C-alpha atoms as a PDB file:
ATOM      1  CA  MET A   1     120.544 172.720 171.286  1.00  0.00           C
ATOM      2  CA  ARG A   2     117.305 174.934 171.202  1.00  0.00           C
ATOM      3  CA  SER A   3     116.190 177.721 173.501  1.00  0.00           C
ATOM      4  CA  ARG A   4     112.903 179.660 173.537  1.00  0.00           C
ATOM      5  CA  ALA A   5     112.337 183.066 175.307  1.00  0.00           C
ATOM      6  CA  GLU A   6     109.450 185.580 175.476  1.00  0.00           C
ATOM      7  CA  SER A   7     110.209 188.864 173.852  1.00  0.00           C
ATOM      8  CA  TRP A   8     108.600 192.158 173.540  1.00  0.00           C
ATOM      9  CA  ARG A   9     104.855 192.076 173.966  1.00  0.00           C
ATOM     10  CA  GLY A  10     104.817 188.338 174.677  1.00  0.00           C
ATOM     11  CA  SER A  11     105.874 187.156 171.056  1.00  0.00           C
ATOM     12  CA  PRO A  12     108.115 184.040 171.421  1.00  0.00           C
ATOM     13  CA  CYS A  13     111.485 184.005 170.196  1.00  0.00           C
ATOM     14  CA  ARG A  14     113.716 180.919 169.372  1.00  0.00           C
ATOM     15  CA  GLY A  15     117.418 180.263 169.055  1.00  0.00           C
ATOM     16  CA  GLY A  16     119.499 177.135 168.551  1.00  0.00           C
ATOM     17  CA  LEU A  17     122.952 176.038 167.716  1.00  0.00           C
ATOM     18  CA  ARG A  18     123.304 173.644 164.706  1.00  0.00           C
ATOM     19  CA  TYR A  19     126.578 171.291 164.936  1.00  0.00           C
ATOM     20  CA  ILE A  20     127.841 169.684 161.872  1.00  0.00           C
ATOM     21  CA  GLY A  21     130.752 167.335 163.111  1.00  0.00           C
ATOM     22  CA  GLU A  22     134.080 166.796 161.536  1.00  0.00           C
ATOM     23  CA  ARG A  23     133.558 164.233 158.528  1.00  0.00           C
ATOM     24  CA  TRP A  24     135.582 162.660 156.046  1.00  0.00           C
ATOM     25  CA  SER A  25     135.662 164.432 152.509  1.00  0.00           C
ATOM     26  CA  SER A  26     136.880 161.484 150.383  1.00  0.00           C
ATOM     27  CA  ASP A  27     135.940 157.885 149.817  1.00  0.00           C
ATOM     28  CA  GLU A  28     139.709 156.842 150.851  1.00  0.00           C
ATOM     29  CA  ASN A  29     139.127 158.747 154.094  1.00  0.00           C
ATOM     30  CA  THR A  30     142.443 160.957 153.505  1.00  0.00           C
ATOM     31  CA  THR A  31     141.115 164.327 154.097  1.00  0.00           C
ATOM     32  CA  ARG A  32     138.540 165.667 156.657  1.00  0.00           C
ATOM     33  CA  LEU A  33     136.230 168.606 156.745  1.00  0.00           C
ATOM     34  CA  GLU A  34     136.299 170.759 159.728  1.00  0.00           C
ATOM     35  CA  ALA A  35     133.434 170.785 162.284  1.00  0.00           C
ATOM     36  CA  VAL A  36     131.134 173.904 162.173  1.00  0.00           C
ATOM     37  CA  THR A  37     128.448 175.213 164.608  1.00  0.00           C
ATOM     38  CA  LEU A  38     125.907 177.676 163.222  1.00  0.00           C
ATOM     39  CA  LEU A  39     123.496 179.977 164.896  1.00  0.00           C
ATOM     40  CA  ASP A  40     119.822 179.856 163.882  1.00  0.00           C
ATOM     41  CA  LEU A  41     117.202 182.376 165.257  1.00  0.00           C
ATOM     42  CA  GLY A  42     113.464 182.742 164.885  1.00  0.00           C
ATOM     43  CA  ALA A  43     110.569 184.775 166.214  1.00  0.00           C
ATOM     44  CA  SER A  44     106.708 184.794 165.530  1.00  0.00           C
ATOM     45  CA  TYR A  45     103.767 187.149 166.555  1.00  0.00           C
ATOM     46  CA  ALA A  46      99.973 186.422 166.462  1.00  0.00           C
ATOM     47  CA  TRP A  47      97.566 188.792 166.242  1.00  0.00           C
ATOM     48  CA  ASP A  48      93.886 188.860 167.433  1.00  0.00           C
ATOM     49  CA  ASN A  49      92.343 188.786 163.878  1.00  0.00           C
ATOM     50  CA  GLY A  50      93.973 185.336 163.030  1.00  0.00           C
ATOM     51  CA  LEU A  51      97.142 186.569 161.433  1.00  0.00           C
ATOM     52  CA  GLU A  52     100.472 185.080 162.440  1.00  0.00           C
ATOM     53  CA  LEU A  53     104.068 186.290 161.281  1.00  0.00           C
ATOM     54  CA  GLN A  54     106.860 183.775 161.566  1.00  0.00           C
ATOM     55  CA  VAL A  55     110.675 184.930 160.797  1.00  0.00           C
ATOM     56  CA  ASN A  56     113.444 182.517 160.679  1.00  0.00           C
ATOM     57  CA  LEU A  57     117.069 183.415 160.279  1.00  0.00           C
ATOM     58  CA  THR A  58     119.435 180.358 159.594  1.00  0.00           C
ATOM     59  CA  ASN A  59     123.174 180.716 159.888  1.00  0.00           C
ATOM     60  CA  ALA A  60     122.788 184.087 161.545  1.00  0.00           C
ATOM     61  CA  ALA A  61     126.403 184.629 161.548  1.00  0.00           C
ATOM     62  CA  ASP A  62     126.755 184.198 157.846  1.00  0.00           C
ATOM     63  CA  LYS A  63     129.612 181.576 158.669  1.00  0.00           C
ATOM     64  CA  ALA A  64     131.297 180.271 155.472  1.00  0.00           C
ATOM     65  CA  TYR A  65     131.974 176.416 155.349  1.00  0.00           C
ATOM     66  CA  VAL A  66     132.495 173.566 153.197  1.00  0.00           C
ATOM     67  CA  SER A  67     129.685 171.250 153.288  1.00  0.00           C
ATOM     68  CA  ALA A  68     130.608 168.556 151.045  1.00  0.00           C
ATOM     69  CA  VAL A  69     133.483 167.647 148.573  1.00  0.00           C
ATOM     70  CA  GLY A  70     132.718 165.942 145.207  1.00  0.00           C
ATOM     71  CA  PHE A  71     134.728 164.269 142.508  1.00  0.00           C
ATOM     72  CA  SER A  72     136.103 167.499 141.175  1.00  0.00           C
ATOM     73  CA  SER A  73     134.476 170.329 143.237  1.00  0.00           C
ATOM     74  CA  SER A  74     133.692 171.497 146.643  1.00  0.00           C
ATOM     75  CA  TYR A  75     130.222 172.609 147.871  1.00  0.00           C
ATOM     76  CA  ILE A  76     129.744 175.517 149.985  1.00  0.00           C
ATOM     77  CA  GLY A  77     127.425 175.428 152.946  1.00  0.00           C
ATOM     78  CA  ASP A  78     124.291 177.671 152.817  1.00  0.00           C
ATOM     79  CA  GLY A  79     125.015 181.298 153.994  1.00  0.00           C
ATOM     80  CA  ARG A  80     122.580 183.651 155.975  1.00  0.00           C
ATOM     81  CA  ASN A  81     119.103 182.965 154.964  1.00  0.00           C
ATOM     82  CA  LEU A  82     115.971 184.951 156.094  1.00  0.00           C
ATOM     83  CA  GLN A  83     112.399 183.401 155.696  1.00  0.00           C
ATOM     84  CA  ALA A  84     109.361 184.841 156.380  1.00  0.00           C
ATOM     85  CA  ASN A  85     105.766 183.206 156.810  1.00  0.00           C
ATOM     86  CA  LEU A  86     102.424 184.932 157.078  1.00  0.00           C
ATOM     87  CA  THR A  87      99.472 182.808 157.802  1.00  0.00           C
ATOM     88  CA  TYR A  88      95.788 183.748 158.347  1.00  0.00           C
ATOM     89  CA  ARG A  89      93.696 181.351 160.261  1.00  0.00           C
ATOM     90  CA  PHE A  90      89.881 181.433 160.114  1.00  0.00           C
END
């Protein structure tokens, strides 16, 4: 599910919910991993001189979850992550 809105000074803001459903964690299908819903946010701003800034925040609530289980270990899902991108168009 994604959403888009106009924020301060007309810069677009985005938000979305990323759902990872319940799944099996073993080949024998004996253990399940719980479902998780993550919140992702983003915004961008473009200046008249060709510069554009984009900022994305994934897993904004920093929700801890197990993404997978291996032979002898568990893999923790990605925590909160902030990415920024500055682009110049000429």
